[in-house]
Amino acid sequence: MFFLLLLLIFLSPRVLLFLTWLFNYYRFVVVFSPHTFLIPILGFIFMPWTTLIYLLNYSVTAPGHLTMWGWAWVTLAVLADLGSYGSSRFGRGRRSSLVE
């Protein structure tokens, strides 16, 4: 089961976010309070790794608390999201120069 979860994480963070919302809705309600529905939607669309890692590292027992290691993981997720955008832009520029 653990390897299936790891495979799912590496395949698509959006799928894992959806499954977390589907099977553990309480965590979504605690992390993203009910009146802020826009933040998880924008995170799902633009920053899926960051939203997923923030959701998984958020302490449900102490609301509003993220440990130092949690912030380190969130920082790495932000870099991963930004890196995916940067690599796609680099690849697009490289492809257009090969076509010419």
PDB file of N, CA and C in Angstrom:
ATOM      1  N   MET A   1       0.821  -1.193   0.000  1.00  0.00           N
ATOM      2  CA  MET A   1       0.000   0.000   0.000  1.00  0.00           C
ATOM      3  C   MET A   1       0.864   1.256   0.000  1.00  0.00           C
ATOM      4  N   PHE A   2       1.971   1.210   0.749  1.00  0.00           N
ATOM      5  CA  PHE A   2       2.870   2.357   0.814  1.00  0.00           C
ATOM      6  C   PHE A   2       3.485   2.650  -0.550  1.00  0.00           C
ATOM      7  N   PHE A   3       3.883   1.604  -1.274  1.00  0.00           N
ATOM      8  CA  PHE A   3       4.480   1.807  -2.598  1.00  0.00           C
ATOM      9  C   PHE A   3       3.446   2.320  -3.596  1.00  0.00           C
ATOM     10  N   LEU A   4       2.199   1.896  -3.443  1.00  0.00           N
ATOM     11  CA  LEU A   4       1.141   2.419  -4.298  1.00  0.00           C
ATOM     12  C   LEU A   4       0.948   3.918  -4.042  1.00  0.00           C
ATOM     13  N   LEU A   5       1.021   4.324  -2.781  1.00  0.00           N
ATOM     14  CA  LEU A   5       0.906   5.739  -2.442  1.00  0.00           C
ATOM     15  C   LEU A   5       2.077   6.532  -3.014  1.00  0.00           C
ATOM     16  N   LEU A   6       3.296   6.001  -2.919  1.00  0.00           N
ATOM     17  CA  LEU A   6       4.452   6.679  -3.500  1.00  0.00           C
ATOM     18  C   LEU A   6       4.326   6.792  -5.021  1.00  0.00           C
ATOM     19  N   LEU A   7       3.867   5.739  -5.650  1.00  0.00           N
ATOM     20  CA  LEU A   7       3.671   5.775  -7.096  1.00  0.00           C
ATOM     21  C   LEU A   7       2.629   6.826  -7.470  1.00  0.00           C
ATOM     22  N   LEU A   8       1.571   6.898  -6.684  1.00  0.00           N
ATOM     23  CA  LEU A   8       0.529   7.879  -6.948  1.00  0.00           C
ATOM     24  C   LEU A   8       1.031   9.307  -6.741  1.00  0.00           C
ATOM     25  N   ILE A   9       1.876   9.510  -5.746  1.00  0.00           N
ATOM     26  CA  ILE A   9       2.446  10.845  -5.510  1.00  0.00           C
ATOM     27  C   ILE A   9       3.294  11.271  -6.687  1.00  0.00           C
ATOM     28  N   PHE A  10       4.119  10.382  -7.187  1.00  0.00           N
ATOM     29  CA  PHE A  10       5.018  10.763  -8.276  1.00  0.00           C
ATOM     30  C   PHE A  10       4.297  10.873  -9.620  1.00  0.00           C
ATOM     31  N   LEU A  11       3.189  10.183  -9.776  1.00  0.00           N
ATOM     32  CA  LEU A  11       2.468  10.280 -11.040  1.00  0.00           C
ATOM     33  C   LEU A  11       1.702  11.583 -11.158  1.00  0.00           C
ATOM     34  N   SER A  12       0.967  11.924 -10.127  1.00  0.00           N
ATOM     35  CA  SER A  12       0.182  13.135 -10.239  1.00  0.00           C
ATOM     36  C   SER A  12      -0.231  13.639  -8.859  1.00  0.00           C
ATOM     37  N   PRO A  13       0.245  14.816  -8.482  1.00  0.00           N
ATOM     38  CA  PRO A  13      -0.184  15.358  -7.190  1.00  0.00           C
ATOM     39  C   PRO A  13      -1.656  15.758  -7.213  1.00  0.00           C
ATOM     40  N   ARG A  14      -2.194  16.064  -8.384  1.00  0.00           N
ATOM     41  CA  ARG A  14      -3.610  16.438  -8.467  1.00  0.00           C
ATOM     42  C   ARG A  14      -4.517  15.251  -8.173  1.00  0.00           C
ATOM     43  N   VAL A  15      -4.121  14.066  -8.622  1.00  0.00           N
ATOM     44  CA  VAL A  15      -4.901  12.868  -8.325  1.00  0.00           C
ATOM     45  C   VAL A  15      -4.885  12.609  -6.826  1.00  0.00           C
ATOM     46  N   LEU A  16      -3.734  12.744  -6.203  1.00  0.00           N
ATOM     47  CA  LEU A  16      -3.636  12.516  -4.774  1.00  0.00           C
ATOM     48  C   LEU A  16      -4.397  13.576  -3.979  1.00  0.00           C
ATOM     49  N   LEU A  17      -4.385  14.817  -4.442  1.00  0.00           N
ATOM     50  CA  LEU A  17      -5.190  15.860  -3.796  1.00  0.00           C
ATOM     51  C   LEU A  17      -6.673  15.524  -3.880  1.00  0.00           C
ATOM     52  N   PHE A  18      -7.099  15.083  -5.031  1.00  0.00           N
ATOM     53  CA  PHE A  18      -8.502  14.715  -5.196  1.00  0.00           C
ATOM     54  C   PHE A  18      -8.877  13.553  -4.285  1.00  0.00           C
ATOM     55  N   LEU A  19      -8.019  12.529  -4.219  1.00  0.00           N
ATOM     56  CA  LEU A  19      -8.314  11.387  -3.353  1.00  0.00           C
ATOM     57  C   LEU A  19      -8.301  11.774  -1.886  1.00  0.00           C
ATOM     58  N   THR A  20      -7.405  12.677  -1.505  1.00  0.00           N
ATOM     59  CA  THR A  20      -7.385  13.151  -0.123  1.00  0.00           C
ATOM     60  C   THR A  20      -8.663  13.915   0.189  1.00  0.00           C
ATOM     61  N   TRP A  21      -9.109  14.736  -0.734  1.00  0.00           N
ATOM     62  CA  TRP A  21     -10.364  15.457  -0.536  1.00  0.00           C
ATOM     63  C   TRP A  21     -11.542  14.494  -0.456  1.00  0.00           C
ATOM     64  N   LEU A  22     -11.502  13.446  -1.270  1.00  0.00           N
ATOM     65  CA  LEU A  22     -12.605  12.493  -1.324  1.00  0.00           C
ATOM     66  C   LEU A  22     -12.692  11.643  -0.062  1.00  0.00           C
ATOM     67  N   PHE A  23     -11.548  11.149   0.423  1.00  0.00           N
ATOM     68  CA  PHE A  23     -11.554  10.209   1.534  1.00  0.00           C
ATOM     69  C   PHE A  23     -11.236  10.837   2.893  1.00  0.00           C
ATOM     70  N   ASN A  24     -10.675  12.033   2.923  1.00  0.00           N
ATOM     71  CA  ASN A  24     -10.332  12.668   4.191  1.00  0.00           C
ATOM     72  C   ASN A  24     -10.767  14.135   4.146  1.00  0.00           C
ATOM     73  N   TYR A  25     -12.051  14.345   3.965  1.00  0.00           N
ATOM     74  CA  TYR A  25     -12.578  15.687   3.809  1.00  0.00           C
ATOM     75  C   TYR A  25     -12.369  16.529   5.070  1.00  0.00           C
ATOM     76  N   TYR A  26     -12.347  15.881   6.236  1.00  0.00           N
ATOM     77  CA  TYR A  26     -12.147  16.614   7.488  1.00  0.00           C
ATOM     78  C   TYR A  26     -10.832  17.393   7.469  1.00  0.00           C
ATOM     79  N   ARG A  27      -9.784  16.796   6.919  1.00  0.00           N
ATOM     80  CA  ARG A  27      -8.493  17.482   6.865  1.00  0.00           C
ATOM     81  C   ARG A  27      -8.584  18.741   5.998  1.00  0.00           C
ATOM     82  N   PHE A  28      -9.288  18.669   4.890  1.00  0.00           N
ATOM     83  CA  PHE A  28      -9.474  19.856   4.052  1.00  0.00           C
ATOM     84  C   PHE A  28     -10.231  20.948   4.799  1.00  0.00           C
ATOM     85  N   VAL A  29     -11.245  20.568   5.557  1.00  0.00           N
ATOM     86  CA  VAL A  29     -12.025  21.546   6.302  1.00  0.00           C
ATOM     87  C   VAL A  29     -11.172  22.211   7.364  1.00  0.00           C
ATOM     88  N   VAL A  30     -10.313  21.453   8.034  1.00  0.00           N
ATOM     89  CA  VAL A  30      -9.467  22.017   9.082  1.00  0.00           C
ATOM     90  C   VAL A  30      -8.364  22.881   8.487  1.00  0.00           C
ATOM     91  N   VAL A  31      -7.698  22.396   7.462  1.00  0.00           N
ATOM     92  CA  VAL A  31      -6.568  23.126   6.884  1.00  0.00           C
ATOM     93  C   VAL A  31      -7.042  24.368   6.140  1.00  0.00           C
ATOM     94  N   PHE A  32      -7.972  24.189   5.266  1.00  0.00           N
ATOM     95  CA  PHE A  32      -8.531  25.313   4.514  1.00  0.00           C
ATOM     96  C   PHE A  32      -9.934  25.523   5.051  1.00  0.00           C
ATOM     97  N   SER A  33     -10.098  26.506   5.899  1.00  0.00           N
ATOM     98  CA  SER A  33     -11.390  26.712   6.558  1.00  0.00           C
ATOM     99  C   SER A  33     -12.509  26.824   5.518  1.00  0.00           C
ATOM    100  N   PRO A  34     -13.743  26.520   5.904  1.00  0.00           N
ATOM    101  CA  PRO A  34     -14.830  26.411   4.922  1.00  0.00           C
ATOM    102  C   PRO A  34     -15.101  27.674   4.114  1.00  0.00           C
ATOM    103  N   HIS A  35     -14.760  28.821   4.618  1.00  0.00           N
ATOM    104  CA  HIS A  35     -15.062  30.041   3.875  1.00  0.00           C
ATOM    105  C   HIS A  35     -13.961  30.426   2.888  1.00  0.00           C
ATOM    106  N   THR A  36     -12.875  29.666   2.818  1.00  0.00           N
ATOM    107  CA  THR A  36     -11.812  29.955   1.847  1.00  0.00           C
ATOM    108  C   THR A  36     -11.712  28.799   0.850  1.00  0.00           C
ATOM    109  N   PHE A  37     -12.651  28.714  -0.043  1.00  0.00           N
ATOM    110  CA  PHE A  37     -12.634  27.643  -1.032  1.00  0.00           C
ATOM    111  C   PHE A  37     -11.748  27.988  -2.217  1.00  0.00           C
ATOM    112  N   LEU A  38     -11.391  29.245  -2.376  1.00  0.00           N
ATOM    113  CA  LEU A  38     -10.617  29.667  -3.534  1.00  0.00           C
ATOM    114  C   LEU A  38      -9.153  29.225  -3.443  1.00  0.00           C
ATOM    115  N   ILE A  39      -8.582  29.211  -2.258  1.00  0.00           N
ATOM    116  CA  ILE A  39      -7.167  28.854  -2.082  1.00  0.00           C
ATOM    117  C   ILE A  39      -6.889  27.408  -2.497  1.00  0.00           C
ATOM    118  N   PRO A  40      -7.660  26.421  -2.047  1.00  0.00           N
ATOM    119  CA  PRO A  40      -7.367  25.059  -2.525  1.00  0.00           C
ATOM    120  C   PRO A  40      -7.613  24.870  -4.019  1.00  0.00           C
ATOM    121  N   ILE A  41      -8.575  25.586  -4.575  1.00  0.00           N
ATOM    122  CA  ILE A  41      -8.825  25.471  -6.018  1.00  0.00           C
ATOM    123  C   ILE A  41      -7.649  26.040  -6.810  1.00  0.00           C
ATOM    124  N   LEU A  42      -7.180  27.224  -6.405  1.00  0.00           N
ATOM    125  CA  LEU A  42      -6.012  27.805  -7.081  1.00  0.00           C
ATOM    126  C   LEU A  42      -4.768  26.947  -6.876  1.00  0.00           C
ATOM    127  N   GLY A  43      -4.613  26.397  -5.682  1.00  0.00           N
ATOM    128  CA  GLY A  43      -3.494  25.497  -5.431  1.00  0.00           C
ATOM    129  C   GLY A  43      -3.573  24.238  -6.274  1.00  0.00           C
ATOM    130  N   PHE A  44      -4.767  23.710  -6.442  1.00  0.00           N
ATOM    131  CA  PHE A  44      -4.967  22.522  -7.275  1.00  0.00           C
ATOM    132  C   PHE A  44      -4.576  22.800  -8.724  1.00  0.00           C
ATOM    133  N   ILE A  45      -4.894  23.993  -9.208  1.00  0.00           N
ATOM    134  CA  ILE A  45      -4.630  24.327 -10.611  1.00  0.00           C
ATOM    135  C   ILE A  45      -3.175  24.725 -10.836  1.00  0.00           C
ATOM    136  N   PHE A  46      -2.643  25.637 -10.005  1.00  0.00           N
ATOM    137  CA  PHE A  46      -1.343  26.238 -10.286  1.00  0.00           C
ATOM    138  C   PHE A  46      -0.173  25.666  -9.477  1.00  0.00           C
ATOM    139  N   MET A  47      -0.399  25.286  -8.232  1.00  0.00           N
ATOM    140  CA  MET A  47       0.698  24.814  -7.368  1.00  0.00           C
ATOM    141  C   MET A  47       0.287  23.507  -6.674  1.00  0.00           C
ATOM    142  N   PRO A  48       0.142  22.413  -7.418  1.00  0.00           N
ATOM    143  CA  PRO A  48      -0.370  21.184  -6.804  1.00  0.00           C
ATOM    144  C   PRO A  48       0.580  20.564  -5.784  1.00  0.00           C
ATOM    145  N   TRP A  49       1.886  20.589  -6.031  1.00  0.00           N
ATOM    146  CA  TRP A  49       2.824  20.024  -5.065  1.00  0.00           C
ATOM    147  C   TRP A  49       2.793  20.796  -3.755  1.00  0.00           C
ATOM    148  N   THR A  50       2.758  22.110  -3.838  1.00  0.00           N
ATOM    149  CA  THR A  50       2.752  22.935  -2.634  1.00  0.00           C
ATOM    150  C   THR A  50       1.476  22.705  -1.832  1.00  0.00           C
ATOM    151  N   THR A  51       0.347  22.660  -2.500  1.00  0.00           N
ATOM    152  CA  THR A  51      -0.924  22.429  -1.811  1.00  0.00           C
ATOM    153  C   THR A  51      -0.947  21.062  -1.154  1.00  0.00           C
ATOM    154  N   LEU A  52      -0.461  20.054  -1.847  1.00  0.00           N
ATOM    155  CA  LEU A  52      -0.445  18.698  -1.307  1.00  0.00           C
ATOM    156  C   LEU A  52       0.465  18.596  -0.087  1.00  0.00           C
ATOM    157  N   ILE A  53       1.662  19.115  -0.178  1.00  0.00           N
ATOM    158  CA  ILE A  53       2.604  19.018   0.936  1.00  0.00           C
ATOM    159  C   ILE A  53       2.128  19.837   2.125  1.00  0.00           C
ATOM    160  N   TYR A  54       1.566  21.014   1.871  1.00  0.00           N
ATOM    161  CA  TYR A  54       1.019  21.817   2.965  1.00  0.00           C
ATOM    162  C   TYR A  54      -0.123  21.069   3.645  1.00  0.00           C
ATOM    163  N   LEU A  55      -0.966  20.444   2.863  1.00  0.00           N
ATOM    164  CA  LEU A  55      -2.088  19.695   3.413  1.00  0.00           C
ATOM    165  C   LEU A  55      -1.619  18.511   4.249  1.00  0.00           C
ATOM    166  N   LEU A  56      -0.599  17.812   3.788  1.00  0.00           N
ATOM    167  CA  LEU A  56      -0.116  16.639   4.512  1.00  0.00           C
ATOM    168  C   LEU A  56       0.714  16.989   5.741  1.00  0.00           C
ATOM    169  N   ASN A  57       1.372  18.142   5.750  1.00  0.00           N
ATOM    170  CA  ASN A  57       2.211  18.523   6.884  1.00  0.00           C
ATOM    171  C   ASN A  57       1.496  19.353   7.932  1.00  0.00           C
ATOM    172  N   TYR A  58       0.307  19.818   7.628  1.00  0.00           N
ATOM    173  CA  TYR A  58      -0.446  20.644   8.559  1.00  0.00           C
ATOM    174  C   TYR A  58      -0.881  19.793   9.742  1.00  0.00           C
ATOM    175  N   SER A  59      -0.670  20.303  10.931  1.00  0.00           N
ATOM    176  CA  SER A  59      -1.022  19.564  12.134  1.00  0.00           C
ATOM    177  C   SER A  59      -2.501  19.762  12.445  1.00  0.00           C
ATOM    178  N   VAL A  60      -3.243  18.682  12.403  1.00  0.00           N
ATOM    179  CA  VAL A  60      -4.675  18.767  12.687  1.00  0.00           C
ATOM    180  C   VAL A  60      -4.909  18.929  14.180  1.00  0.00           C
ATOM    181  N   THR A  61      -4.014  18.390  14.999  1.00  0.00           N
ATOM    182  CA  THR A  61      -4.207  18.469  16.448  1.00  0.00           C
ATOM    183  C   THR A  61      -3.985  19.873  16.981  1.00  0.00           C
ATOM    184  N   ALA A  62      -3.108  20.649  16.351  1.00  0.00           N
ATOM    185  CA  ALA A  62      -2.866  22.034  16.756  1.00  0.00           C
ATOM    186  C   ALA A  62      -3.126  22.927  15.547  1.00  0.00           C
ATOM    187  N   PRO A  63      -4.377  23.307  15.305  1.00  0.00           N
ATOM    188  CA  PRO A  63      -4.696  24.102  14.106  1.00  0.00           C
ATOM    189  C   PRO A  63      -3.886  25.387  14.019  1.00  0.00           C
ATOM    190  N   GLY A  64      -3.475  25.677  12.812  1.00  0.00           N
ATOM    191  CA  GLY A  64      -2.681  26.876  12.595  1.00  0.00           C
ATOM    192  C   GLY A  64      -1.203  26.664  12.848  1.00  0.00           C
ATOM    193  N   HIS A  65      -0.795  25.413  13.005  1.00  0.00           N
ATOM    194  CA  HIS A  65       0.593  25.140  13.344  1.00  0.00           C
ATOM    195  C   HIS A  65       1.250  24.281  12.270  1.00  0.00           C
ATOM    196  N   LEU A  66       2.395  24.735  11.800  1.00  0.00           N
ATOM    197  CA  LEU A  66       3.205  23.973  10.863  1.00  0.00           C
ATOM    198  C   LEU A  66       4.614  23.971  11.428  1.00  0.00           C
ATOM    199  N   THR A  67       5.194  22.801  11.595  1.00  0.00           N
ATOM    200  CA  THR A  67       6.520  22.698  12.200  1.00  0.00           C
ATOM    201  C   THR A  67       7.585  23.243  11.260  1.00  0.00           C
ATOM    202  N   MET A  68       8.791  23.372  11.784  1.00  0.00           N
ATOM    203  CA  MET A  68       9.903  23.855  10.969  1.00  0.00           C
ATOM    204  C   MET A  68      10.182  22.892   9.816  1.00  0.00           C
ATOM    205  N   TRP A  69      10.100  21.584  10.082  1.00  0.00           N
ATOM    206  CA  TRP A  69      10.286  20.597   9.012  1.00  0.00           C
ATOM    207  C   TRP A  69       9.159  20.683   8.006  1.00  0.00           C
ATOM    208  N   GLY A  70       7.975  20.992   8.476  1.00  0.00           N
ATOM    209  CA  GLY A  70       6.850  21.172   7.562  1.00  0.00           C
ATOM    210  C   GLY A  70       7.084  22.330   6.611  1.00  0.00           C
ATOM    211  N   TRP A  71       7.594  23.451   7.142  1.00  0.00           N
ATOM    212  CA  TRP A  71       7.901  24.593   6.274  1.00  0.00           C
ATOM    213  C   TRP A  71       9.027  24.265   5.306  1.00  0.00           C
ATOM    214  N   ALA A  72       9.982  23.436   5.742  1.00  0.00           N
ATOM    215  CA  ALA A  72      11.068  23.025   4.837  1.00  0.00           C
ATOM    216  C   ALA A  72      10.496  22.214   3.670  1.00  0.00           C
ATOM    217  N   TRP A  73       9.557  21.314   3.955  1.00  0.00           N
ATOM    218  CA  TRP A  73       8.929  20.524   2.897  1.00  0.00           C
ATOM    219  C   TRP A  73       8.088  21.397   1.976  1.00  0.00           C
ATOM    220  N   VAL A  74       7.390  22.362   2.552  1.00  0.00           N
ATOM    221  CA  VAL A  74       6.584  23.266   1.728  1.00  0.00           C
ATOM    222  C   VAL A  74       7.492  24.089   0.807  1.00  0.00           C
ATOM    223  N   THR A  75       8.630  24.522   1.324  1.00  0.00           N
ATOM    224  CA  THR A  75       9.588  25.265   0.503  1.00  0.00           C
ATOM    225  C   THR A  75      10.090  24.416  -0.658  1.00  0.00           C
ATOM    226  N   LEU A  76      10.402  23.150  -0.391  1.00  0.00           N
ATOM    227  CA  LEU A  76      10.832  22.254  -1.467  1.00  0.00           C
ATOM    228  C   LEU A  76       9.708  22.038  -2.490  1.00  0.00           C
ATOM    229  N   ALA A  77       8.477  21.980  -2.016  1.00  0.00           N
ATOM    230  CA  ALA A  77       7.349  21.815  -2.938  1.00  0.00           C
ATOM    231  C   ALA A  77       7.158  23.053  -3.808  1.00  0.00           C
ATOM    232  N   VAL A  78       7.357  24.238  -3.228  1.00  0.00           N
ATOM    233  CA  VAL A  78       7.270  25.465  -4.030  1.00  0.00           C
ATOM    234  C   VAL A  78       8.341  25.445  -5.113  1.00  0.00           C
ATOM    235  N   LEU A  79       9.544  25.043  -4.743  1.00  0.00           N
ATOM    236  CA  LEU A  79      10.628  24.959  -5.725  1.00  0.00           C
ATOM    237  C   LEU A  79      10.312  23.928  -6.804  1.00  0.00           C
ATOM    238  N   ALA A  80       9.685  22.819  -6.423  1.00  0.00           N
ATOM    239  CA  ALA A  80       9.312  21.803  -7.408  1.00  0.00           C
ATOM    240  C   ALA A  80       8.255  22.338  -8.371  1.00  0.00           C
ATOM    241  N   ASP A  81       7.269  23.063  -7.843  1.00  0.00           N
ATOM    242  CA  ASP A  81       6.254  23.650  -8.716  1.00  0.00           C
ATOM    243  C   ASP A  81       6.857  24.688  -9.648  1.00  0.00           C
ATOM    244  N   LEU A  82       7.666  25.563  -9.111  1.00  0.00           N
ATOM    245  CA  LEU A  82       8.303  26.582  -9.953  1.00  0.00           C
ATOM    246  C   LEU A  82       9.265  25.949 -10.949  1.00  0.00           C
ATOM    247  N   GLY A  83       9.951  24.893 -10.543  1.00  0.00           N
ATOM    248  CA  GLY A  83      10.854  24.187 -11.450  1.00  0.00           C
ATOM    249  C   GLY A  83      10.112  23.521 -12.595  1.00  0.00           C
ATOM    250  N   SER A  84       8.917  23.020 -12.324  1.00  0.00           N
ATOM    251  CA  SER A  84       8.151  22.404 -13.414  1.00  0.00           C
ATOM    252  C   SER A  84       7.715  23.455 -14.424  1.00  0.00           C
ATOM    253  N   TYR A  85       7.361  24.650 -13.947  1.00  0.00           N
ATOM    254  CA  TYR A  85       7.015  25.720 -14.879  1.00  0.00           C
ATOM    255  C   TYR A  85       8.247  26.192 -15.653  1.00  0.00           C
ATOM    256  N   GLY A  86       9.376  26.296 -14.975  1.00  0.00           N
ATOM    257  CA  GLY A  86      10.597  26.744 -15.635  1.00  0.00           C
ATOM    258  C   GLY A  86      11.109  25.752 -16.650  1.00  0.00           C
ATOM    259  N   SER A  87      11.020  24.459 -16.315  1.00  0.00           N
ATOM    260  CA  SER A  87      11.504  23.450 -17.257  1.00  0.00           C
ATOM    261  C   SER A  87      10.611  23.374 -18.489  1.00  0.00           C
ATOM    262  N   SER A  88       9.312  23.581 -18.308  1.00  0.00           N
ATOM    263  CA  SER A  88       8.444  23.553 -19.490  1.00  0.00           C
ATOM    264  C   SER A  88       8.705  24.771 -20.377  1.00  0.00           C
ATOM    265  N   ARG A  89       9.013  25.897 -19.776  1.00  0.00           N
ATOM    266  CA  ARG A  89       9.332  27.092 -20.575  1.00  0.00           C
ATOM    267  C   ARG A  89      10.666  26.903 -21.294  1.00  0.00           C
ATOM    268  N   PHE A  90      11.645  26.298 -20.613  1.00  0.00           N
ATOM    269  CA  PHE A  90      12.940  26.044 -21.239  1.00  0.00           C
ATOM    270  C   PHE A  90      12.787  25.069 -22.396  1.00  0.00           C
ATOM    271  N   GLY A  91      11.993  24.023 -22.201  1.00  0.00           N
ATOM    272  CA  GLY A  91      11.784  23.043 -23.264  1.00  0.00           C
ATOM    273  C   GLY A  91      11.053  23.632 -24.448  1.00  0.00           C
ATOM    274  N   ARG A  92      10.114  24.531 -24.191  1.00  0.00           N
ATOM    275  CA  ARG A  92       9.375  25.162 -25.278  1.00  0.00           C
ATOM    276  C   ARG A  92      10.300  26.044 -26.108  1.00  0.00           C
ATOM    277  N   GLY A  93      11.199  26.788 -25.457  1.00  0.00           N
ATOM    278  CA  GLY A  93      12.145  27.628 -26.187  1.00  0.00           C
ATOM    279  C   GLY A  93      13.133  26.798 -26.979  1.00  0.00           C
ATOM    280  N   ARG A  94      13.518  25.683 -26.423  1.00  0.00           N
ATOM    281  CA  ARG A  94      14.460  24.801 -27.110  1.00  0.00           C
ATOM    282  C   ARG A  94      13.830  24.152 -28.335  1.00  0.00           C
ATOM    283  N   ARG A  95      12.561  23.757 -28.212  1.00  0.00           N
ATOM    284  CA  ARG A  95      11.873  23.153 -29.355  1.00  0.00           C
ATOM    285  C   ARG A  95      11.705  24.151 -30.487  1.00  0.00           C
ATOM    286  N   SER A  96      11.357  25.385 -30.155  1.00  0.00           N
ATOM    287  CA  SER A  96      11.148  26.359 -31.217  1.00  0.00           C
ATOM    288  C   SER A  96      12.451  26.685 -31.943  1.00  0.00           C
ATOM    289  N   SER A  97      13.582  26.624 -31.240  1.00  0.00           N
ATOM    290  CA  SER A  97      14.851  26.896 -31.911  1.00  0.00           C
ATOM    291  C   SER A  97      15.268  25.705 -32.783  1.00  0.00           C
ATOM    292  N   LEU A  98      14.830  24.499 -32.435  1.00  0.00           N
ATOM    293  CA  LEU A  98      15.160  23.335 -33.255  1.00  0.00           C
ATOM    294  C   LEU A  98      14.321  23.317 -34.535  1.00  0.00           C
ATOM    295  N   VAL A  99      13.132  23.865 -34.478  1.00  0.00           N
ATOM    296  CA  VAL A  99      12.255  23.865 -35.653  1.00  0.00           C
ATOM    297  C   VAL A  99      12.758  24.824 -36.708  1.00  0.00           C
ATOM    298  N   GLU A 100      13.305  25.935 -36.309  1.00  0.00           N
ATOM    299  CA  GLU A 100      13.751  26.955 -37.260  1.00  0.00           C
ATOM    300  C   GLU A 100      14.909  26.508 -38.055  1.00  0.00           C
TER     301      GLU A 100
END
